[in-house]
mmCIF file of all heavy atoms, coordinates in Angstrom:
data_MODEL
# 
_entry.id   MODEL 
# 
loop_
_atom_site.group_PDB 
_atom_site.id 
_atom_site.type_symbol 
_atom_site.label_atom_id 
_atom_site.label_alt_id 
_atom_site.label_comp_id 
_atom_site.label_asym_id 
_atom_site.label_entity_id 
_atom_site.label_seq_id 
_atom_site.pdbx_PDB_ins_code 
_atom_site.Cartn_x 
_atom_site.Cartn_y 
_atom_site.Cartn_z 
_atom_site.occupancy 
_atom_site.B_iso_or_equiv 
_atom_site.pdbx_formal_charge 
_atom_site.auth_seq_id 
_atom_site.auth_comp_id 
_atom_site.auth_asym_id 
_atom_site.auth_atom_id 
_atom_site.pdbx_PDB_model_num 
ATOM 1   N N   . PHE A 1 1  ? -6.395  -7.392  3.806  1.00 0.00 ? 1  PHE A N   1 
ATOM 2   C CA  . PHE A 1 1  ? -6.817  -6.574  4.939  1.00 0.00 ? 1  PHE A CA  1 
ATOM 3   C C   . PHE A 1 1  ? -7.856  -5.560  4.481  1.00 0.00 ? 1  PHE A C   1 
ATOM 4   O O   . PHE A 1 1  ? -7.778  -5.021  3.385  1.00 0.00 ? 1  PHE A O   1 
ATOM 5   C CB  . PHE A 1 1  ? -5.610  -5.858  5.560  1.00 0.00 ? 1  PHE A CB  1 
ATOM 6   C CG  . PHE A 1 1  ? -4.679  -6.807  6.259  1.00 0.00 ? 1  PHE A CG  1 
ATOM 7   C CD1 . PHE A 1 1  ? -3.619  -7.386  5.581  1.00 0.00 ? 1  PHE A CD1 1 
ATOM 8   C CD2 . PHE A 1 1  ? -4.871  -7.129  7.588  1.00 0.00 ? 1  PHE A CD2 1 
ATOM 9   C CE1 . PHE A 1 1  ? -2.768  -8.274  6.214  1.00 0.00 ? 1  PHE A CE1 1 
ATOM 10  C CE2 . PHE A 1 1  ? -4.025  -8.027  8.234  1.00 0.00 ? 1  PHE A CE2 1 
ATOM 11  C CZ  . PHE A 1 1  ? -2.971  -8.594  7.542  1.00 0.00 ? 1  PHE A CZ  1 
ATOM 12  N N   . ASP A 1 2  ? -8.827  -5.339  5.344  1.00 0.00 ? 2  ASP A N   1 
ATOM 13  C CA  . ASP A 1 2  ? -9.905  -4.415  5.074  1.00 0.00 ? 2  ASP A CA  1 
ATOM 14  C C   . ASP A 1 2  ? -9.979  -3.439  6.243  1.00 0.00 ? 2  ASP A C   1 
ATOM 15  O O   . ASP A 1 2  ? -10.869 -3.530  7.083  1.00 0.00 ? 2  ASP A O   1 
ATOM 16  C CB  . ASP A 1 2  ? -11.213 -5.197  4.897  1.00 0.00 ? 2  ASP A CB  1 
ATOM 17  C CG  . ASP A 1 2  ? -12.394 -4.301  4.594  1.00 0.00 ? 2  ASP A CG  1 
ATOM 18  O OD1 . ASP A 1 2  ? -12.191 -3.156  4.157  1.00 0.00 ? 2  ASP A OD1 1 
ATOM 19  O OD2 . ASP A 1 2  ? -13.530 -4.738  4.830  1.00 0.00 ? 2  ASP A OD2 1 
ATOM 20  N N   . LEU A 1 3  ? -8.998  -2.564  6.308  1.00 0.00 ? 3  LEU A N   1 
ATOM 21  C CA  . LEU A 1 3  ? -8.886  -1.620  7.416  1.00 0.00 ? 3  LEU A CA  1 
ATOM 22  C C   . LEU A 1 3  ? -8.683  -0.213  6.869  1.00 0.00 ? 3  LEU A C   1 
ATOM 23  O O   . LEU A 1 3  ? -7.972  -0.043  5.870  1.00 0.00 ? 3  LEU A O   1 
ATOM 24  C CB  . LEU A 1 3  ? -7.646  -1.941  8.264  1.00 0.00 ? 3  LEU A CB  1 
ATOM 25  C CG  . LEU A 1 3  ? -7.565  -3.257  8.991  1.00 0.00 ? 3  LEU A CG  1 
ATOM 26  C CD1 . LEU A 1 3  ? -6.152  -3.523  9.468  1.00 0.00 ? 3  LEU A CD1 1 
ATOM 27  C CD2 . LEU A 1 3  ? -8.523  -3.228  10.172 1.00 0.00 ? 3  LEU A CD2 1 
ATOM 28  N N   . PRO A 1 4  ? -9.237  0.781   7.520  1.00 0.00 ? 4  PRO A N   1 
ATOM 29  C CA  . PRO A 1 4  ? -8.834  2.144   7.170  1.00 0.00 ? 4  PRO A CA  1 
ATOM 30  C C   . PRO A 1 4  ? -7.380  2.326   7.617  1.00 0.00 ? 4  PRO A C   1 
ATOM 31  O O   . PRO A 1 4  ? -6.998  1.869   8.701  1.00 0.00 ? 4  PRO A O   1 
ATOM 32  C CB  . PRO A 1 4  ? -9.792  3.036   7.954  1.00 0.00 ? 4  PRO A CB  1 
ATOM 33  C CG  . PRO A 1 4  ? -10.492 2.158   8.926  1.00 0.00 ? 4  PRO A CG  1 
ATOM 34  C CD  . PRO A 1 4  ? -10.255 0.732   8.545  1.00 0.00 ? 4  PRO A CD  1 
ATOM 35  N N   . LEU A 1 5  ? -6.585  2.951   6.770  1.00 0.00 ? 5  LEU A N   1 
ATOM 36  C CA  . LEU A 1 5  ? -5.161  3.121   7.052  1.00 0.00 ? 5  LEU A CA  1 
ATOM 37  C C   . LEU A 1 5  ? -4.774  4.592   6.947  1.00 0.00 ? 5  LEU A C   1 
ATOM 38  O O   . LEU A 1 5  ? -5.327  5.323   6.123  1.00 0.00 ? 5  LEU A O   1 
ATOM 39  C CB  . LEU A 1 5  ? -4.316  2.307   6.066  1.00 0.00 ? 5  LEU A CB  1 
ATOM 40  C CG  . LEU A 1 5  ? -4.604  0.808   5.991  1.00 0.00 ? 5  LEU A CG  1 
ATOM 41  C CD1 . LEU A 1 5  ? -3.772  0.161   4.893  1.00 0.00 ? 5  LEU A CD1 1 
ATOM 42  C CD2 . LEU A 1 5  ? -4.344  0.137   7.332  1.00 0.00 ? 5  LEU A CD2 1 
ATOM 43  N N   . ALA A 1 6  ? -3.796  4.980   7.748  1.00 0.00 ? 6  ALA A N   1 
ATOM 44  C CA  . ALA A 1 6  ? -3.314  6.359   7.730  1.00 0.00 ? 6  ALA A CA  1 
ATOM 45  C C   . ALA A 1 6  ? -1.791  6.395   7.823  1.00 0.00 ? 6  ALA A C   1 
ATOM 46  O O   . ALA A 1 6  ? -1.227  6.944   8.770  1.00 0.00 ? 6  ALA A O   1 
ATOM 47  C CB  . ALA A 1 6  ? -3.944  7.148   8.867  1.00 0.00 ? 6  ALA A CB  1 
ATOM 48  N N   . PRO A 1 7  ? -1.089  5.800   6.846  1.00 0.00 ? 7  PRO A N   1 
ATOM 49  C CA  . PRO A 1 7  ? 0.374   5.866   6.892  1.00 0.00 ? 7  PRO A CA  1 
ATOM 50  C C   . PRO A 1 7  ? 0.863   7.268   6.540  1.00 0.00 ? 7  PRO A C   1 
ATOM 51  O O   . PRO A 1 7  ? 0.363   7.874   5.595  1.00 0.00 ? 7  PRO A O   1 
ATOM 52  C CB  . PRO A 1 7  ? 0.801   4.848   5.832  1.00 0.00 ? 7  PRO A CB  1 
ATOM 53  C CG  . PRO A 1 7  ? -0.326  4.855   4.840  1.00 0.00 ? 7  PRO A CG  1 
ATOM 54  C CD  . PRO A 1 7  ? -1.571  5.096   5.656  1.00 0.00 ? 7  PRO A CD  1 
ATOM 55  N N   . ALA A 1 8  ? 1.793   7.773   7.309  1.00 0.00 ? 8  ALA A N   1 
ATOM 56  C CA  . ALA A 1 8  ? 2.360   9.093   7.037  1.00 0.00 ? 8  ALA A CA  1 
ATOM 57  C C   . ALA A 1 8  ? 3.537   8.933   6.079  1.00 0.00 ? 8  ALA A C   1 
ATOM 58  O O   . ALA A 1 8  ? 4.428   8.116   6.311  1.00 0.00 ? 8  ALA A O   1 
ATOM 59  C CB  . ALA A 1 8  ? 2.812   9.743   8.333  1.00 0.00 ? 8  ALA A CB  1 
ATOM 60  N N   . GLY A 1 9  ? 3.524   9.697   4.993  1.00 0.00 ? 9  GLY A N   1 
ATOM 61  C CA  . GLY A 1 9  ? 4.618   9.639   4.028  1.00 0.00 ? 9  GLY A CA  1 
ATOM 62  C C   . GLY A 1 9  ? 4.419   10.650  2.922  1.00 0.00 ? 9  GLY A C   1 
ATOM 63  O O   . GLY A 1 9  ? 3.372   11.300  2.829  1.00 0.00 ? 9  GLY A O   1 
ATOM 64  N N   . THR A 1 10 ? 5.416   10.746  2.087  1.00 0.00 ? 10 THR A N   1 
ATOM 65  C CA  . THR A 1 10 ? 5.358   11.670  0.951  1.00 0.00 ? 10 THR A CA  1 
ATOM 66  C C   . THR A 1 10 ? 4.353   11.157  -0.082 1.00 0.00 ? 10 THR A C   1 
ATOM 67  O O   . THR A 1 10 ? 3.928   9.996   -0.032 1.00 0.00 ? 10 THR A O   1 
ATOM 68  C CB  . THR A 1 10 ? 6.731   11.792  0.275  1.00 0.00 ? 10 THR A CB  1 
ATOM 69  O OG1 . THR A 1 10 ? 7.056   10.524  -0.322 1.00 0.00 ? 10 THR A OG1 1 
ATOM 70  C CG2 . THR A 1 10 ? 7.831   12.200  1.276  1.00 0.00 ? 10 THR A CG2 1 
ATOM 71  N N   . ALA A 1 11 ? 4.035   11.998  -1.036 1.00 0.00 ? 11 ALA A N   1 
ATOM 72  C CA  . ALA A 1 11 ? 3.123   11.591  -2.110 1.00 0.00 ? 11 ALA A CA  1 
ATOM 73  C C   . ALA A 1 11 ? 3.696   10.394  -2.872 1.00 0.00 ? 11 ALA A C   1 
ATOM 74  O O   . ALA A 1 11 ? 2.964   9.456   -3.210 1.00 0.00 ? 11 ALA A O   1 
ATOM 75  C CB  . ALA A 1 11 ? 2.856   12.758  -3.056 1.00 0.00 ? 11 ALA A CB  1 
ATOM 76  N N   . PHE A 1 12 ? 5.002   10.393  -3.131 1.00 0.00 ? 12 PHE A N   1 
ATOM 77  C CA  . PHE A 1 12 ? 5.625   9.275   -3.838 1.00 0.00 ? 12 PHE A CA  1 
ATOM 78  C C   . PHE A 1 12 ? 5.528   7.998   -2.996 1.00 0.00 ? 12 PHE A C   1 
ATOM 79  O O   . PHE A 1 12 ? 5.178   6.931   -3.508 1.00 0.00 ? 12 PHE A O   1 
ATOM 80  C CB  . PHE A 1 12 ? 7.088   9.582   -4.177 1.00 0.00 ? 12 PHE A CB  1 
ATOM 81  C CG  . PHE A 1 12 ? 7.769   8.457   -4.902 1.00 0.00 ? 12 PHE A CG  1 
ATOM 82  C CD1 . PHE A 1 12 ? 7.564   8.265   -6.262 1.00 0.00 ? 12 PHE A CD1 1 
ATOM 83  C CD2 . PHE A 1 12 ? 8.599   7.567   -4.229 1.00 0.00 ? 12 PHE A CD2 1 
ATOM 84  C CE1 . PHE A 1 12 ? 8.170   7.217   -6.942 1.00 0.00 ? 12 PHE A CE1 1 
ATOM 85  C CE2 . PHE A 1 12 ? 9.206   6.516   -4.891 1.00 0.00 ? 12 PHE A CE2 1 
ATOM 86  C CZ  . PHE A 1 12 ? 8.998   6.345   -6.255 1.00 0.00 ? 12 PHE A CZ  1 
ATOM 87  N N   . GLN A 1 13 ? 5.842   8.088   -1.711 1.00 0.00 ? 13 GLN A N   1 
ATOM 88  C CA  . GLN A 1 13 ? 5.736   6.921   -0.837 1.00 0.00 ? 13 GLN A CA  1 
ATOM 89  C C   . GLN A 1 13 ? 4.309   6.387   -0.818 1.00 0.00 ? 13 GLN A C   1 
ATOM 90  O O   . GLN A 1 13 ? 4.098   5.180   -0.913 1.00 0.00 ? 13 GLN A O   1 
ATOM 91  C CB  . GLN A 1 13 ? 6.189   7.276   0.585  1.00 0.00 ? 13 GLN A CB  1 
ATOM 92  C CG  . GLN A 1 13 ? 7.682   7.471   0.711  1.00 0.00 ? 13 GLN A CG  1 
ATOM 93  C CD  . GLN A 1 13 ? 8.090   8.031   2.059  1.00 0.00 ? 13 GLN A CD  1 
ATOM 94  O OE1 . GLN A 1 13 ? 7.333   8.774   2.706  1.00 0.00 ? 13 GLN A OE1 1 
ATOM 95  N NE2 . GLN A 1 13 ? 9.298   7.693   2.501  1.00 0.00 ? 13 GLN A NE2 1 
ATOM 96  N N   . GLN A 1 14 ? 3.334   7.270   -0.723 1.00 0.00 ? 14 GLN A N   1 
ATOM 97  C CA  . GLN A 1 14 ? 1.940   6.846   -0.718 1.00 0.00 ? 14 GLN A CA  1 
ATOM 98  C C   . GLN A 1 14 ? 1.598   6.089   -2.003 1.00 0.00 ? 14 GLN A C   1 
ATOM 99  O O   . GLN A 1 14 ? 0.894   5.073   -1.967 1.00 0.00 ? 14 GLN A O   1 
ATOM 100 C CB  . GLN A 1 14 ? 0.996   8.060   -0.568 1.00 0.00 ? 14 GLN A CB  1 
ATOM 101 C CG  . GLN A 1 14 ? 1.149   8.817   0.731  1.00 0.00 ? 14 GLN A CG  1 
ATOM 102 C CD  . GLN A 1 14 ? 0.565   8.108   1.932  1.00 0.00 ? 14 GLN A CD  1 
ATOM 103 O OE1 . GLN A 1 14 ? -0.207  7.169   1.827  1.00 0.00 ? 14 GLN A OE1 1 
ATOM 104 N NE2 . GLN A 1 14 ? 0.931   8.565   3.118  1.00 0.00 ? 14 GLN A NE2 1 
ATOM 105 N N   . THR A 1 15 ? 2.115   6.571   -3.138 1.00 0.00 ? 15 THR A N   1 
ATOM 106 C CA  . THR A 1 15 ? 1.873   5.899   -4.418 1.00 0.00 ? 15 THR A CA  1 
ATOM 107 C C   . THR A 1 15 ? 2.465   4.503   -4.410 1.00 0.00 ? 15 THR A C   1 
ATOM 108 O O   . THR A 1 15 ? 1.821   3.541   -4.841 1.00 0.00 ? 15 THR A O   1 
ATOM 109 C CB  . THR A 1 15 ? 2.468   6.733   -5.577 1.00 0.00 ? 15 THR A CB  1 
ATOM 110 O OG1 . THR A 1 15 ? 1.815   8.009   -5.591 1.00 0.00 ? 15 THR A OG1 1 
ATOM 111 C CG2 . THR A 1 15 ? 2.282   6.045   -6.916 1.00 0.00 ? 15 THR A CG2 1 
ATOM 112 N N   . VAL A 1 16 ? 3.671   4.371   -3.902 1.00 0.00 ? 16 VAL A N   1 
ATOM 113 C CA  . VAL A 1 16 ? 4.324   3.052   -3.826 1.00 0.00 ? 16 VAL A CA  1 
ATOM 114 C C   . VAL A 1 16 ? 3.538   2.144   -2.882 1.00 0.00 ? 16 VAL A C   1 
ATOM 115 O O   . VAL A 1 16 ? 3.267   0.982   -3.207 1.00 0.00 ? 16 VAL A O   1 
ATOM 116 C CB  . VAL A 1 16 ? 5.798   3.178   -3.381 1.00 0.00 ? 16 VAL A CB  1 
ATOM 117 C CG1 . VAL A 1 16 ? 6.407   1.811   -3.077 1.00 0.00 ? 16 VAL A CG1 1 
ATOM 118 C CG2 . VAL A 1 16 ? 6.615   3.907   -4.453 1.00 0.00 ? 16 VAL A CG2 1 
ATOM 119 N N   . TRP A 1 17 ? 3.149   2.657   -1.728 1.00 0.00 ? 17 TRP A N   1 
ATOM 120 C CA  . TRP A 1 17 ? 2.431   1.828   -0.755 1.00 0.00 ? 17 TRP A CA  1 
ATOM 121 C C   . TRP A 1 17 ? 1.074   1.374   -1.298 1.00 0.00 ? 17 TRP A C   1 
ATOM 122 O O   . TRP A 1 17 ? 0.639   0.256   -1.032 1.00 0.00 ? 17 TRP A O   1 
ATOM 123 C CB  . TRP A 1 17 ? 2.280   2.563   0.570  1.00 0.00 ? 17 TRP A CB  1 
ATOM 124 C CG  . TRP A 1 17 ? 3.604   2.925   1.202  1.00 0.00 ? 17 TRP A CG  1 
ATOM 125 C CD1 . TRP A 1 17 ? 4.819   2.315   0.996  1.00 0.00 ? 17 TRP A CD1 1 
ATOM 126 C CD2 . TRP A 1 17 ? 3.858   3.982   2.116  1.00 0.00 ? 17 TRP A CD2 1 
ATOM 127 N NE1 . TRP A 1 17 ? 5.804   2.932   1.726  1.00 0.00 ? 17 TRP A NE1 1 
ATOM 128 C CE2 . TRP A 1 17 ? 5.241   3.963   2.423  1.00 0.00 ? 17 TRP A CE2 1 
ATOM 129 C CE3 . TRP A 1 17 ? 3.063   4.954   2.700  1.00 0.00 ? 17 TRP A CE3 1 
ATOM 130 C CZ2 . TRP A 1 17 ? 5.823   4.878   3.308  1.00 0.00 ? 17 TRP A CZ2 1 
ATOM 131 C CZ3 . TRP A 1 17 ? 3.641   5.856   3.573  1.00 0.00 ? 17 TRP A CZ3 1 
ATOM 132 C CH2 . TRP A 1 17 ? 5.008   5.809   3.878  1.00 0.00 ? 17 TRP A CH2 1 
ATOM 133 N N   . THR A 1 18 ? 0.450   2.217   -2.095 1.00 0.00 ? 18 THR A N   1 
ATOM 134 C CA  . THR A 1 18 ? -0.802  1.810   -2.749 1.00 0.00 ? 18 THR A CA  1 
ATOM 135 C C   . THR A 1 18 ? -0.536  0.670   -3.729 1.00 0.00 ? 18 THR A C   1 
ATOM 136 O O   . THR A 1 18 ? -1.293  -0.301  -3.790 1.00 0.00 ? 18 THR A O   1 
ATOM 137 C CB  . THR A 1 18 ? -1.452  3.006   -3.466 1.00 0.00 ? 18 THR A CB  1 
ATOM 138 O OG1 . THR A 1 18 ? -1.790  3.995   -2.479 1.00 0.00 ? 18 THR A OG1 1 
ATOM 139 C CG2 . THR A 1 18 ? -2.702  2.592   -4.226 1.00 0.00 ? 18 THR A CG2 1 
ATOM 140 N N   . ALA A 1 19 ? 0.561   0.769   -4.471 1.00 0.00 ? 19 ALA A N   1 
ATOM 141 C CA  . ALA A 1 19 ? 0.927   -0.304  -5.415 1.00 0.00 ? 19 ALA A CA  1 
ATOM 142 C C   . ALA A 1 19 ? 1.234   -1.603  -4.680 1.00 0.00 ? 19 ALA A C   1 
ATOM 143 O O   . ALA A 1 19 ? 0.908   -2.694  -5.165 1.00 0.00 ? 19 ALA A O   1 
ATOM 144 C CB  . ALA A 1 19 ? 2.115   0.132   -6.270 1.00 0.00 ? 19 ALA A CB  1 
ATOM 145 N N   . LEU A 1 20 ? 1.832   -1.519  -3.511 1.00 0.00 ? 20 LEU A N   1 
ATOM 146 C CA  . LEU A 1 20 ? 2.129   -2.721  -2.729 1.00 0.00 ? 20 LEU A CA  1 
ATOM 147 C C   . LEU A 1 20 ? 0.841   -3.452  -2.357 1.00 0.00 ? 20 LEU A C   1 
ATOM 148 O O   . LEU A 1 20 ? 0.802   -4.685  -2.376 1.00 0.00 ? 20 LEU A O   1 
ATOM 149 C CB  . LEU A 1 20 ? 2.890   -2.368  -1.444 1.00 0.00 ? 20 LEU A CB  1 
ATOM 150 C CG  . LEU A 1 20 ? 4.287   -1.779  -1.590 1.00 0.00 ? 20 LEU A CG  1 
ATOM 151 C CD1 . LEU A 1 20 ? 4.853   -1.424  -0.215 1.00 0.00 ? 20 LEU A CD1 1 
ATOM 152 C CD2 . LEU A 1 20 ? 5.210   -2.706  -2.336 1.00 0.00 ? 20 LEU A CD2 1 
ATOM 153 N N   . ARG A 1 21 ? -0.193  -2.712  -2.051 1.00 0.00 ? 21 ARG A N   1 
ATOM 154 C CA  . ARG A 1 21 ? -1.466  -3.334  -1.663 1.00 0.00 ? 21 ARG A CA  1 
ATOM 155 C C   . ARG A 1 21 ? -2.113  -4.083  -2.820 1.00 0.00 ? 21 ARG A C   1 
ATOM 156 O O   . ARG A 1 21 ? -2.984  -4.924  -2.601 1.00 0.00 ? 21 ARG A O   1 
ATOM 157 C CB  . ARG A 1 21 ? -2.425  -2.287  -1.099 1.00 0.00 ? 21 ARG A CB  1 
ATOM 158 C CG  . ARG A 1 21 ? -1.882  -1.725  0.226  1.00 0.00 ? 21 ARG A CG  1 
ATOM 159 C CD  . ARG A 1 21 ? -2.870  -0.877  0.937  1.00 0.00 ? 21 ARG A CD  1 
ATOM 160 N NE  . ARG A 1 21 ? -3.880  -1.762  1.539  1.00 0.00 ? 21 ARG A NE  1 
ATOM 161 C CZ  . ARG A 1 21 ? -5.017  -1.324  2.015  1.00 0.00 ? 21 ARG A CZ  1 
ATOM 162 N NH1 . ARG A 1 21 ? -5.328  -0.051  1.962  1.00 0.00 ? 21 ARG A NH1 1 
ATOM 163 N NH2 . ARG A 1 21 ? -5.878  -2.164  2.549  1.00 0.00 ? 21 ARG A NH2 1 
ATOM 164 N N   . ALA A 1 22 ? -1.666  -3.810  -4.042 1.00 0.00 ? 22 ALA A N   1 
ATOM 165 C CA  . ALA A 1 22 ? -2.218  -4.484  -5.222 1.00 0.00 ? 22 ALA A CA  1 
ATOM 166 C C   . ALA A 1 22 ? -1.507  -5.807  -5.532 1.00 0.00 ? 22 ALA A C   1 
ATOM 167 O O   . ALA A 1 22 ? -1.942  -6.547  -6.410 1.00 0.00 ? 22 ALA A O   1 
ATOM 168 C CB  . ALA A 1 22 ? -2.151  -3.561  -6.432 1.00 0.00 ? 22 ALA A CB  1 
ATOM 169 N N   . ILE A 1 23 ? -0.418  -6.113  -4.812 1.00 0.00 ? 23 ILE A N   1 
ATOM 170 C CA  . ILE A 1 23 ? 0.289   -7.370  -5.044 1.00 0.00 ? 23 ILE A CA  1 
ATOM 171 C C   . ILE A 1 23 ? -0.560  -8.500  -4.459 1.00 0.00 ? 23 ILE A C   1 
ATOM 172 O O   . ILE A 1 23 ? -0.901  -8.491  -3.278 1.00 0.00 ? 23 ILE A O   1 
ATOM 173 C CB  . ILE A 1 23 ? 1.683   -7.383  -4.379 1.00 0.00 ? 23 ILE A CB  1 
ATOM 174 C CG1 . ILE A 1 23 ? 2.525   -6.207  -4.856 1.00 0.00 ? 23 ILE A CG1 1 
ATOM 175 C CG2 . ILE A 1 23 ? 2.400   -8.709  -4.687 1.00 0.00 ? 23 ILE A CG2 1 
ATOM 176 C CD1 . ILE A 1 23 ? 3.801   -6.002  -4.041 1.00 0.00 ? 23 ILE A CD1 1 
ATOM 177 N N   . ASP A 1 24 ? -0.896  -9.454  -5.284 1.00 0.00 ? 24 ASP A N   1 
ATOM 178 C CA  . ASP A 1 24 ? -1.748  -10.552 -4.846 1.00 0.00 ? 24 ASP A CA  1 
ATOM 179 C C   . ASP A 1 24 ? -1.103  -11.365 -3.734 1.00 0.00 ? 24 ASP A C   1 
ATOM 180 O O   . ASP A 1 24 ? 0.108   -11.615 -3.740 1.00 0.00 ? 24 ASP A O   1 
ATOM 181 C CB  . ASP A 1 24 ? -2.075  -11.487 -6.014 1.00 0.00 ? 24 ASP A CB  1 
ATOM 182 C CG  . ASP A 1 24 ? -3.005  -10.856 -7.032 1.00 0.00 ? 24 ASP A CG  1 
ATOM 183 O OD1 . ASP A 1 24 ? -3.767  -9.935  -6.663 1.00 0.00 ? 24 ASP A OD1 1 
ATOM 184 O OD2 . ASP A 1 24 ? -2.963  -11.287 -8.201 1.00 0.00 ? 24 ASP A OD2 1 
ATOM 185 N N   . TYR A 1 25 ? -1.933  -11.798 -2.819 1.00 0.00 ? 25 TYR A N   1 
ATOM 186 C CA  . TYR A 1 25 ? -1.531  -12.671 -1.725 1.00 0.00 ? 25 TYR A CA  1 
ATOM 187 C C   . TYR A 1 25 ? -0.859  -13.921 -2.306 1.00 0.00 ? 25 TYR A C   1 
ATOM 188 O O   . TYR A 1 25 ? -1.311  -14.491 -3.294 1.00 0.00 ? 25 TYR A O   1 
ATOM 189 C CB  . TYR A 1 25 ? -2.785  -13.073 -0.933 1.00 0.00 ? 25 TYR A CB  1 
ATOM 190 C CG  . TYR A 1 25 ? -2.518  -13.967 0.237  1.00 0.00 ? 25 TYR A CG  1 
ATOM 191 C CD1 . TYR A 1 25 ? -2.269  -13.433 1.493  1.00 0.00 ? 25 TYR A CD1 1 
ATOM 192 C CD2 . TYR A 1 25 ? -2.539  -15.348 0.107  1.00 0.00 ? 25 TYR A CD2 1 
ATOM 193 C CE1 . TYR A 1 25 ? -2.044  -14.255 2.589  1.00 0.00 ? 25 TYR A CE1 1 
ATOM 194 C CE2 . TYR A 1 25 ? -2.312  -16.174 1.199  1.00 0.00 ? 25 TYR A CE2 1 
ATOM 195 C CZ  . TYR A 1 25 ? -2.063  -15.617 2.434  1.00 0.00 ? 25 TYR A CZ  1 
ATOM 196 O OH  . TYR A 1 25 ? -1.831  -16.437 3.511  1.00 0.00 ? 25 TYR A OH  1 
ATOM 197 N N   . GLY A 1 26 ? 0.239   -14.322 -1.696 1.00 0.00 ? 26 GLY A N   1 
ATOM 198 C CA  . GLY A 1 26 ? 0.920   -15.542 -2.119 1.00 0.00 ? 26 GLY A CA  1 
ATOM 199 C C   . GLY A 1 26 ? 1.796   -15.371 -3.346 1.00 0.00 ? 26 GLY A C   1 
ATOM 200 O O   . GLY A 1 26 ? 2.319   -16.348 -3.864 1.00 0.00 ? 26 GLY A O   1 
ATOM 201 N N   . THR A 1 27 ? 1.954   -14.128 -3.812 1.00 0.00 ? 27 THR A N   1 
ATOM 202 C CA  . THR A 1 27 ? 2.803   -13.866 -4.978 1.00 0.00 ? 27 THR A CA  1 
ATOM 203 C C   . THR A 1 27 ? 3.867   -12.848 -4.603 1.00 0.00 ? 27 THR A C   1 
ATOM 204 O O   . THR A 1 27 ? 3.810   -12.231 -3.539 1.00 0.00 ? 27 THR A O   1 
ATOM 205 C CB  . THR A 1 27 ? 1.993   -13.335 -6.178 1.00 0.00 ? 27 THR A CB  1 
ATOM 206 O OG1 . THR A 1 27 ? 1.478   -12.037 -5.856 1.00 0.00 ? 27 THR A OG1 1 
ATOM 207 C CG2 . THR A 1 27 ? 0.858   -14.268 -6.550 1.00 0.00 ? 27 THR A CG2 1 
ATOM 208 N N   . THR A 1 28 ? 4.821   -12.677 -5.486 1.00 0.00 ? 28 THR A N   1 
ATOM 209 C CA  . THR A 1 28 ? 5.853   -11.664 -5.298 1.00 0.00 ? 28 THR A CA  1 
ATOM 210 C C   . THR A 1 28 ? 5.996   -10.854 -6.582 1.00 0.00 ? 28 THR A C   1 
ATOM 211 O O   . THR A 1 28 ? 5.522   -11.266 -7.642 1.00 0.00 ? 28 THR A O   1 
ATOM 212 C CB  . THR A 1 28 ? 7.224   -12.296 -4.959 1.00 0.00 ? 28 THR A CB  1 
ATOM 213 O OG1 . THR A 1 28 ? 7.615   -13.170 -6.015 1.00 0.00 ? 28 THR A OG1 1 
ATOM 214 C CG2 . THR A 1 28 ? 7.181   -13.054 -3.638 1.00 0.00 ? 28 THR A CG2 1 
# 
C-alpha cells in the first residue's frame, strides 16, 4: 500500500505498526 496513514496510538504501538509494514507480502 502506498497511502498516507494516520493511525492513533502510543509511541510503542507506532513502532510496532511500522515494523508490521516491513513484513514482506506473502510471508509471515
